[in-house]
Protein backbone atom coordinates (compact mmCIF):
# COMPACT_ATOMS: atom_id res chain seq x y z
CA MET A 1 25.86 -39.22 -18.15
CA ASN A 2 27.54 -37.59 -15.55
CA LYS A 3 25.80 -34.33 -16.39
CA ILE A 4 22.50 -35.91 -16.33
CA LYS A 5 23.47 -37.32 -12.66
CA ARG A 6 24.79 -33.84 -11.65
CA PHE A 7 21.45 -32.13 -12.72
CA VAL A 8 19.50 -34.75 -11.03
CA SER A 9 21.40 -34.27 -7.36
CA LEU A 10 20.95 -30.61 -7.83
CA ALA A 11 17.19 -31.05 -8.43
CA LEU A 12 16.88 -33.21 -5.34
CA VAL A 13 18.94 -30.78 -3.31
CA LEU A 14 16.70 -28.31 -4.30
CA CYS A 15 13.59 -30.06 -3.26
CA MET A 16 14.77 -31.00 -0.05
CA VAL A 17 15.05 -27.36 0.64
CA MET A 18 11.97 -26.06 -0.68
CA ALA A 19 10.37 -28.67 1.74
CA PHE A 20 12.09 -27.19 4.55
CA LEU A 21 10.47 -23.90 4.13
CA PRO A 22 7.08 -22.94 5.68
CA VAL A 23 3.98 -22.82 3.51
CA GLY A 24 3.51 -19.75 1.73
CA VAL A 25 7.25 -18.53 2.29
CA SER A 26 9.56 -18.40 -0.82
CA ALA A 27 12.92 -19.12 -0.81
CA ALA A 28 13.78 -15.33 -1.77
CA GLU A 29 11.98 -13.65 0.97
CA ASP A 30 12.32 -10.12 1.39
CA ALA A 31 14.72 -9.16 4.45
CA SER A 32 12.42 -5.99 4.94
CA TYR A 33 9.61 -7.92 6.14
CA ALA A 34 9.72 -8.11 10.02
CA TYR A 35 6.26 -7.85 11.78
CA ASN A 36 3.55 -10.37 12.25
CA ILE A 37 0.81 -8.69 14.03
CA VAL A 38 -2.37 -9.50 15.96
CA HIS A 39 -4.78 -6.39 16.77
CA VAL A 40 -6.98 -6.45 19.67
CA ASP A 41 -9.91 -3.80 20.01
CA ALA A 42 -9.61 -3.49 23.85
CA GLY A 43 -11.36 0.16 23.65
CA ARG A 44 -14.66 -0.78 22.53
CA LYS A 45 -14.93 -3.76 24.61
CA TYR A 46 -13.08 -4.84 27.95
CA PHE A 47 -11.17 -7.84 27.64
CA THR A 48 -9.47 -9.10 31.36
CA PRO A 49 -5.96 -9.24 31.54
CA GLY A 50 -6.42 -13.14 31.35
CA GLU A 51 -8.19 -13.03 27.96
CA LEU A 52 -5.43 -10.81 26.61
CA LYS A 53 -3.02 -12.97 27.86
CA ALA A 54 -5.00 -16.00 26.13
CA ILE A 55 -4.57 -14.14 22.79
CA ILE A 56 -0.97 -13.36 23.30
CA ASP A 57 -0.69 -17.03 23.55
CA ASN A 58 -2.79 -17.80 20.45
CA ALA A 59 -0.44 -15.35 18.65
CA ALA A 60 2.97 -16.37 19.91
CA GLU A 61 1.98 -19.96 19.06
CA ALA A 62 1.12 -19.06 15.65
CA GLY A 63 4.45 -17.19 14.87
CA PHE A 64 3.23 -13.72 15.49
CA ASN A 65 5.81 -11.26 17.02
CA GLN A 66 3.49 -8.36 17.94
CA VAL A 67 0.21 -7.96 19.56
CA GLN A 68 -1.54 -4.60 19.05
CA LEU A 69 -3.46 -3.30 21.84
CA TYR A 70 -6.24 -0.86 20.74
CA LEU A 71 -7.21 0.83 23.76
CA SER A 72 -9.62 3.61 23.01
CA ASP A 73 -12.49 4.74 20.70
CA ASN A 74 -16.04 6.06 20.54
CA GLN A 75 -17.44 3.37 22.43
CA GLY A 76 -14.86 3.16 25.30
CA PHE A 77 -11.28 4.36 26.91
CA ARG A 78 -10.21 1.53 28.59
CA PHE A 79 -6.60 1.96 30.01
CA ALA A 80 -5.93 4.08 33.18
CA LEU A 81 -2.44 5.17 34.36
CA ASP A 82 -1.65 6.03 37.90
CA ASP A 83 -1.57 9.72 37.22
CA MET A 84 -4.58 10.64 35.18
CA THR A 85 -3.77 14.28 35.00
CA LEU A 86 -2.71 15.92 31.49
CA THR A 87 -1.02 19.18 31.52
CA THR A 88 -0.62 21.31 28.22
CA ALA A 89 0.21 25.00 27.90
CA TYR A 90 -3.41 25.64 28.08
CA GLY A 91 -4.11 24.03 31.47
CA THR A 92 -4.41 20.64 33.35
CA TYR A 93 -6.96 18.18 32.80
CA ASP A 94 -8.39 15.21 34.70
CA LEU A 95 -8.75 12.49 32.27
CA THR A 96 -10.77 9.89 34.77
CA PRO A 97 -14.33 10.87 34.08
CA ALA A 98 -13.73 9.72 30.48
CA LEU A 99 -12.64 6.16 31.41
CA GLY A 100 -14.76 3.19 30.73
CA ASP A 101 -17.91 3.11 28.23
CA GLY A 102 -18.26 5.44 25.56
CA TYR A 103 -21.35 5.69 23.51
CA SER A 104 -23.11 3.77 21.10
CA ASP A 105 -23.66 5.06 17.42
CA SER A 106 -26.37 4.89 14.21
CA SER A 107 -23.99 2.32 12.67
CA GLY A 108 -24.69 -0.12 15.36
CA LYS A 109 -21.51 0.11 17.05
CA LYS A 110 -21.96 -0.21 21.07
CA PRO A 111 -19.73 -0.54 24.13
CA CYS A 112 -19.93 -3.59 26.20
CA GLY A 113 -21.25 -1.92 29.03
CA THR A 114 -19.15 -3.15 31.84
CA GLY A 115 -17.38 0.30 32.34
CA LYS A 116 -14.16 -1.53 33.14
CA TYR A 117 -10.90 -0.75 32.08
CA LEU A 118 -7.40 -1.85 32.62
CA THR A 119 -5.05 -0.42 35.38
CA GLN A 120 -1.31 0.63 35.04
CA ASP A 121 -0.43 -2.77 37.31
CA GLU A 122 -2.28 -4.69 34.90
CA MET A 123 -0.85 -3.45 31.87
CA ASP A 124 2.68 -3.71 33.39
CA ASP A 125 1.89 -7.39 34.15
CA ILE A 126 0.31 -7.68 30.34
CA ILE A 127 3.52 -6.52 28.80
CA ALA A 128 5.97 -8.50 31.00
CA TYR A 129 3.99 -11.68 30.28
CA ALA A 130 4.15 -10.90 26.26
CA ASN A 131 7.67 -10.23 26.44
CA GLY A 132 8.33 -13.70 28.16
CA LYS A 133 6.41 -15.05 25.05
CA GLY A 134 8.54 -13.30 22.57
CA ILE A 135 5.82 -10.81 21.87
CA ASP A 136 6.14 -6.78 21.61
CA ILE A 137 3.13 -5.05 22.65
CA VAL A 138 2.26 -2.11 20.45
CA PRO A 139 -0.06 0.56 22.08
CA CYS A 140 -2.59 2.14 19.72
CA ILE A 141 -4.67 5.51 20.93
CA ASN A 142 -6.61 7.04 18.35
CA VAL A 143 -6.02 10.55 17.78
CA PRO A 144 -7.29 13.03 16.41
CA GLY A 145 -10.49 10.82 15.34
CA HIS A 146 -12.10 7.93 17.05
CA MET A 147 -11.82 9.85 20.39
CA GLY A 148 -15.54 9.95 21.05
CA ALA A 149 -15.32 8.48 24.66
CA ILE A 150 -12.37 10.84 25.84
CA LEU A 151 -14.56 13.50 24.19
CA GLU A 152 -17.61 12.81 26.15
CA ALA A 153 -15.74 14.33 29.05
CA PHE A 154 -14.19 17.05 27.02
CA THR A 155 -17.05 18.09 24.66
CA GLY A 156 -15.68 21.73 24.05
CA PHE A 157 -12.69 20.23 21.83
CA ARG A 158 -14.89 18.47 19.28
CA TYR A 159 -14.88 19.42 15.60
CA LYS A 160 -17.82 21.32 14.02
CA LYS A 161 -18.36 21.93 10.55
CA GLY A 162 -21.23 24.29 9.90
CA TYR A 163 -24.22 23.25 11.90
CA SER A 164 -22.84 19.90 12.50
CA THR A 165 -20.55 18.42 15.26
CA SER A 166 -18.29 15.62 15.11
CA LYS A 167 -18.56 13.59 18.37
CA SER A 168 -15.54 11.42 17.43
CA SER A 169 -12.74 13.86 16.46
CA ILE A 170 -11.26 16.95 17.76
CA ALA A 171 -11.34 20.32 16.04
CA LEU A 172 -7.86 20.62 14.49
CA ASP A 173 -8.25 24.38 14.16
CA ASN A 174 -8.58 24.67 18.05
CA GLU A 175 -5.33 25.07 19.17
CA GLU A 176 -6.34 23.72 22.87
CA ALA A 177 -7.76 20.89 21.71
CA VAL A 178 -4.66 19.91 19.46
CA ALA A 179 -2.56 20.36 22.42
CA PHE A 180 -4.81 18.22 24.28
CA ALA A 181 -4.60 15.37 21.87
CA LEU A 182 -0.74 15.59 21.29
CA GLY A 183 -0.40 15.95 25.15
CA LEU A 184 -2.54 12.66 25.40
CA THR A 185 -0.19 10.96 22.82
CA GLU A 186 2.86 12.05 25.00
CA LYS A 187 1.58 11.00 28.23
CA TYR A 188 0.76 7.35 27.15
CA ALA A 189 3.81 7.05 24.55
CA ALA A 190 6.07 7.87 27.44
CA TYR A 191 4.65 5.25 29.48
CA PHE A 192 4.85 2.40 26.92
CA ALA A 193 8.39 3.72 26.31
CA SER A 194 9.38 3.22 29.86
CA ARG A 195 8.14 -0.51 29.60
CA GLY A 196 10.39 -1.15 26.47
CA CYS A 197 7.58 -0.89 23.94
CA LYS A 198 9.27 0.13 20.60
CA PHE A 199 6.27 1.23 18.43
CA TYR A 200 3.13 3.50 19.03
CA ASN A 201 0.31 3.75 16.74
CA VAL A 202 -1.84 6.89 16.58
CA GLY A 203 -4.45 5.28 14.79
CA ALA A 204 -5.38 8.71 12.70
CA ASP A 205 -8.06 7.12 10.55
CA GLU A 206 -11.86 8.37 9.47
CA TYR A 207 -11.28 11.41 11.09
CA ALA A 208 -14.90 12.83 11.69
CA ASN A 209 -16.24 9.86 10.05
CA ASP A 210 -19.60 10.56 11.90
CA LEU A 211 -20.36 13.61 9.51
CA SER A 212 -21.86 12.80 6.24
CA SER A 213 -18.68 14.10 4.19
CA MET A 214 -16.36 11.52 6.03
CA GLY A 215 -14.37 14.07 7.39
CA PHE A 216 -11.27 13.97 5.03
CA GLU A 217 -13.40 14.17 2.02
CA GLY A 218 -15.13 17.41 3.21
CA MET A 219 -12.38 19.17 4.84
CA GLY A 220 -10.73 20.80 2.14
CA ALA A 221 -6.60 21.77 1.50
CA THR A 222 -6.38 24.02 4.55
CA LEU A 223 -7.77 21.80 7.35
CA TYR A 224 -6.12 18.81 5.75
CA THR A 225 -2.80 20.75 6.01
CA LYS A 226 -3.52 20.95 9.81
CA PHE A 227 -4.31 17.31 9.99
CA VAL A 228 -0.67 16.31 8.24
CA GLN A 229 0.79 18.90 10.81
CA PHE A 230 -0.62 17.06 13.50
CA LEU A 231 0.19 13.91 12.18
CA ASN A 232 3.94 14.93 12.30
CA ASP A 233 4.07 16.81 15.42
CA ALA A 234 2.60 13.53 16.95
CA ALA A 235 5.44 11.65 14.98
CA ASP A 236 7.99 14.07 16.56
CA ILE A 237 6.73 13.04 20.10
CA ILE A 238 6.98 9.55 19.59
CA ILE A 239 10.55 9.43 17.82
CA ASP A 240 11.71 11.61 20.74
CA LEU A 241 10.66 8.83 23.18
CA GLY A 242 12.72 6.53 21.30
CA MET A 243 9.89 4.66 19.39
CA THR A 244 8.67 4.14 15.82
CA PRO A 245 5.26 6.03 14.89
CA ARG A 246 2.53 4.17 13.05
CA ALA A 247 -0.95 4.84 11.84
CA PHE A 248 -3.66 3.56 9.60
CA ASN A 249 -3.61 4.88 6.08
CA ASP A 250 -6.67 7.04 5.50
CA GLY A 251 -5.24 10.19 6.22
CA PHE A 252 -2.05 9.71 4.29
CA TYR A 253 -2.04 11.62 0.97
CA TYR A 254 -5.54 11.67 0.80
CA ARG A 255 -7.20 12.82 -2.47
CA ASP A 256 -4.34 14.27 -3.75
CA TYR A 257 -4.59 17.63 -1.88
CA ASN A 258 -2.21 20.06 -3.04
CA ILE A 259 -0.32 21.13 0.03
CA SER A 260 3.17 22.04 1.11
CA VAL A 261 3.75 19.49 3.79
CA GLU A 262 3.85 15.63 3.65
CA PRO A 263 3.71 13.26 6.47
CA ASN A 264 6.61 12.21 8.29
CA LYS A 265 8.47 9.40 6.38
CA ALA A 266 8.97 7.60 9.63
CA TYR A 267 5.25 6.42 10.05
CA GLU A 268 5.03 2.83 9.37
CA VAL A 269 1.64 2.68 7.74
CA CYS A 270 -0.97 0.06 8.36
CA TYR A 271 -3.06 -0.27 5.03
CA TRP A 272 -6.60 -1.39 5.69
CA SER A 273 -8.53 0.16 2.71
CA SER A 274 -8.25 1.95 -0.62
CA GLY A 275 -11.52 3.61 0.04
CA TRP A 276 -15.00 3.56 -1.71
CA GLY A 277 -17.26 5.93 -3.16
CA GLY A 278 -16.61 9.62 -1.45
CA TYR A 279 -13.83 8.45 0.18
CA GLU A 280 -10.75 8.58 -1.96
CA VAL A 281 -7.75 7.39 -0.07
CA ALA A 282 -4.51 6.69 -1.53
CA TYR A 283 -3.60 3.53 -3.06
CA ALA A 284 -0.86 1.24 -1.12
CA SER A 285 1.52 1.88 -4.19
CA THR A 286 1.39 5.64 -3.90
CA ILE A 287 2.19 5.46 -0.14
CA ALA A 288 4.97 3.06 -0.72
CA GLU A 289 6.44 5.18 -3.42
CA LYS A 290 6.42 8.12 -0.93
CA GLY A 291 8.72 6.04 1.17
CA HIS A 292 6.89 4.61 3.96
CA LYS A 293 7.05 1.20 5.22
CA LEU A 294 3.85 -0.86 4.75
CA ILE A 295 1.94 -3.15 6.92
CA ASN A 296 -0.95 -5.31 5.02
CA THR A 297 -3.96 -4.78 7.30
CA ASP A 298 -6.67 -5.83 4.82
CA GLY A 299 -10.09 -5.13 6.12
CA ASP A 300 -11.32 -8.07 3.92
CA TYR A 301 -9.62 -10.28 6.59
CA TYR A 302 -11.08 -8.60 9.73
CA TRP A 303 -12.89 -10.73 12.51
CA VAL A 304 -15.67 -8.06 13.50
CA LEU A 305 -17.54 -8.77 16.86
CA GLY A 306 -21.22 -8.25 16.45
CA ASN A 307 -21.06 -8.66 12.69
CA SER A 308 -21.13 -12.15 11.67
CA GLY A 309 -20.77 -11.21 7.88
CA TRP A 310 -17.42 -9.79 8.47
CA GLN A 311 -15.79 -12.22 10.43
CA CYS A 312 -12.72 -13.91 8.66
CA SER A 313 -12.65 -17.69 9.02
CA ALA A 314 -9.82 -19.76 9.30
CA SER A 315 -10.32 -21.49 5.68
CA LYS A 316 -10.32 -17.46 4.21
CA ALA A 317 -7.15 -16.77 6.21
CA SER A 318 -5.19 -19.62 5.20
CA ASN A 319 -5.04 -18.13 1.83
CA PHE A 320 -3.96 -14.63 2.77
CA ASP A 321 -1.49 -13.22 0.50
CA TYR A 322 0.78 -10.51 2.43
CA THR A 323 1.90 -9.30 -0.73
CA ASN A 324 -1.73 -8.56 -2.05
CA PHE A 325 -3.16 -5.22 -0.79
CA SER A 326 -6.56 -3.51 -0.87
CA GLY A 327 -7.58 -2.23 -4.05
CA GLY A 328 -5.59 -4.98 -5.80
CA LYS A 329 -1.93 -3.33 -5.46
CA THR A 330 0.78 -5.74 -5.12
CA ILE A 331 3.75 -4.57 -2.82
CA SER A 332 6.48 -6.88 -2.96
CA ASN A 333 8.34 -5.95 -0.03
CA PRO A 334 5.93 -5.04 2.82
CA ALA A 335 7.27 -4.47 6.31
CA GLY A 336 4.55 -7.03 7.78
CA ALA A 337 1.01 -7.84 8.01
CA MET A 338 -1.85 -7.63 10.38
CA PHE A 339 -4.56 -9.55 11.62
CA CYS A 340 -7.52 -7.62 13.38
CA ILE A 341 -10.22 -8.34 15.85
CA TRP A 342 -12.39 -5.48 16.23
CA SER A 343 -15.07 -5.14 18.96
CA ASP A 344 -17.62 -2.86 16.95
CA ASN A 345 -20.33 -4.47 19.36
CA GLY A 346 -18.56 -4.82 22.49
CA ARG A 347 -21.75 -6.60 24.09
CA ALA A 348 -22.39 -9.09 21.34
CA ASP A 349 -20.52 -11.60 23.13
CA SER A 350 -18.14 -12.58 25.89
CA GLY A 351 -14.37 -11.88 25.69
CA ALA A 352 -13.64 -15.64 26.35
CA ASN A 353 -15.65 -16.51 23.45
CA VAL A 354 -13.81 -13.96 21.42
CA VAL A 355 -10.55 -15.78 22.66
CA SER A 356 -11.94 -19.05 21.50
CA LYS A 357 -13.49 -18.30 18.08
CA THR A 358 -10.57 -16.32 16.86
CA ALA A 359 -8.06 -18.93 17.96
CA SER A 360 -8.19 -21.02 14.92
CA VAL A 361 -7.98 -17.83 12.41
CA ILE A 362 -5.16 -16.60 14.35
CA ALA A 363 -3.35 -20.05 13.87
CA ALA A 364 -4.22 -20.22 10.20
CA PHE A 365 -3.39 -16.34 9.61
CA GLY A 366 0.09 -17.51 10.99
CA LYS A 367 0.63 -20.40 8.77
CA ALA A 368 0.22 -17.90 5.79
CA LEU A 369 2.84 -15.41 6.71
CA PRO A 370 6.60 -15.29 6.61
CA LEU A 371 8.49 -16.74 9.71
CA VAL A 372 9.82 -13.50 11.82
CA GLU A 373 12.18 -12.91 14.64
CA SER A 374 10.80 -11.75 18.11
CA LEU A 375 11.55 -8.18 18.55
CA VAL A 376 11.99 -9.00 22.19
CA THR A 377 14.48 -11.78 22.38
CA GLY A 378 15.78 -11.96 18.50
CA GLU A 379 14.83 -15.41 18.05
CA THR A 380 12.87 -16.81 14.86
CA PRO A 381 10.39 -19.24 16.28
CA ASP A 382 9.09 -21.95 13.97
CA PRO A 383 5.13 -22.79 14.87
CA SER A 384 5.36 -25.62 12.89
CA VAL A 385 7.79 -27.25 15.17
CA PRO A 386 6.08 -28.67 18.47
CA THR A 387 7.23 -27.75 21.90
CA GLU A 388 7.97 -30.19 24.58
CA PRO A 389 5.29 -30.25 27.12
CA GLU A 390 6.18 -28.88 30.62
CA GLN A 391 6.81 -31.77 33.22
CA GLU A 392 4.35 -32.24 36.34
CA VAL A 393 6.36 -31.33 39.57
CA ALA A 394 5.54 -32.90 42.78
CA LEU A 395 6.87 -30.63 46.00
CA THR A 396 6.73 -31.14 49.64
CA ASP A 397 6.11 -28.74 52.35
CA ASP A 398 8.73 -29.70 55.08
CA ALA A 399 6.89 -28.24 57.92
CA THR A 400 3.38 -29.90 57.47
CA GLY A 401 4.04 -32.93 54.81
CA ILE A 402 1.69 -31.55 52.39
CA ILE A 403 2.52 -32.65 49.01
CA LEU A 404 1.40 -30.78 45.70
CA ALA A 405 1.91 -31.70 42.11
CA ALA A 406 1.35 -29.47 39.19
CA THR A 407 2.82 -28.64 35.86
CA GLY A 408 5.66 -26.10 36.17
CA LEU A 409 5.28 -25.66 39.91
CA THR A 410 8.60 -23.97 41.35
CA GLY A 411 8.25 -23.52 44.99
CA LEU A 412 5.43 -24.48 47.86
CA THR A 413 4.60 -22.68 51.37
CA VAL A 414 1.76 -23.85 53.31
CA LEU A 415 0.72 -20.45 55.27
CA SER A 416 -1.79 -21.89 57.50
CA VAL A 417 -3.81 -25.23 58.23
CA SER A 418 -7.05 -25.13 59.20
CA THR A 419 -9.59 -28.07 60.45
CA SER A 420 -12.36 -26.92 58.02
CA ARG A 421 -13.48 -29.37 55.89
CA THR A 422 -13.50 -26.86 52.92
CA LEU A 423 -10.04 -25.09 53.88
CA ARG A 424 -7.13 -26.88 55.27
CA SER A 425 -4.34 -25.07 53.87
CA LEU A 426 -3.32 -22.02 51.93
CA TRP A 427 -0.56 -21.93 49.35
CA THR A 428 1.57 -19.64 47.85
CA LEU A 429 2.66 -20.64 44.74
CA ARG A 430 5.61 -19.29 42.57
CA THR A 431 5.06 -20.39 38.81
CA SER A 432 5.36 -19.38 35.12
CA LEU A 433 1.93 -20.44 34.45
CA ALA A 434 -1.45 -19.03 34.81
CA LEU A 435 -3.37 -19.27 38.39
CA ARG A 436 -4.85 -22.67 39.15
CA SER A 437 -7.10 -23.80 41.83
CA LEU A 438 -5.73 -26.71 43.88
CA CYS A 439 -6.62 -29.32 46.23
CA THR A 440 -6.74 -28.40 49.82
CA CYS A 441 -6.47 -31.82 51.04
CA ARG A 442 -3.12 -33.93 51.91
CA CYS A 443 -2.97 -35.28 48.44
CA THR A 444 -2.04 -34.24 44.96
CA LYS A 445 -5.23 -34.17 43.01
CA LEU A 446 -6.75 -31.01 41.72
CA CYS A 447 -9.45 -29.34 43.37
CA PRO A 448 -11.52 -26.34 42.02
CA GLY A 449 -12.43 -24.89 45.55
CA LEU A 450 -9.63 -22.80 46.34
CA THR A 451 -7.91 -19.51 44.45
CA ILE A 452 -4.31 -19.29 44.55
CA VAL A 453 -2.79 -16.20 45.91
CA ILE A 454 0.68 -15.47 44.31
């Protein structure tokens, strides 16, 4: 009888332990799993800083610890540093003309048409905001392919094959073009490293995919060797800056080309596709066996702006298995998983609507993933535990007697008082919250008539 009681007690304890584990997470979770990532295509489409912060909020609330900002593609180059000059051994180039919209292509991909891009001050603010939410920003500026918007301003660097020219990719057999793309990587990686970012994604997918041969398929061993050498040179730059290099999987061990050089094992590979007919990419298991960490970025779970048939639903996201990779391969110990928002048709909808439509998908995706530590704070937030709402704070300006009540308010200064019916005062607010429009009367109600200046 005592043995039976001990067995029942043990079973009850085990049930209690399992009850406290998040849904979809086993008790024997592999310690190598570290990244829950939301990817945002802010290259083809311009998102305002506020819209990007809203996605960061959604990611943080769902238990993600990284947001990857994809800042350049054929349809747009949308991040300007204060200094846009790029110097290599071959000369100095001004990147400014490449900023903004790129071009539309025959597959239906279109820029948003705004011509807008983020500034360095705005990116500084976005990174700081994300860090405050426990989110690490991962930049991605694609090289040596998907560079179409940039190459519109540097057409001489484009890859040519026979009578065909790739608008999207640099010529890997052109030393000046290679130096340009590596210099671009170094320039932007140096900025992000100086802001505390720990990872940098070079993209490296679908090289020359605007040619009928899909680039990798038709390049042959000699040119493919140059591609791998480019990958390794980019990795050296990123590693020297104290960051970890990442890339998408397409170009890793493609088609079993028999070459003497292999990609740097420091690359964490974001595995999105196992290929298709005429595009023979390596399986996830092959890349794992070569010694790379893998991030499950399964393309079947993409949310693609402008393609209603390729927009992952919350229901589908809730069934995501982070160990099941594209191609049907199981990787029991992946380094992480990534949910991607792509902006293939940047003008198909507003940024605000993209934020709204993807919020539930991000939440559902997060519930299907293991809990991870913030790479900024080292803490492991549990999205299933509700946070205490911030309390409304009322403050009084001693000089005027004006009272203001708002959630999260920490300071109030009345700069001026006017007899105008529409503007009686202007306040400078110090608050951790988003900007709010506040009443300009001697009362505590909210009013939409005034934009606050911080």
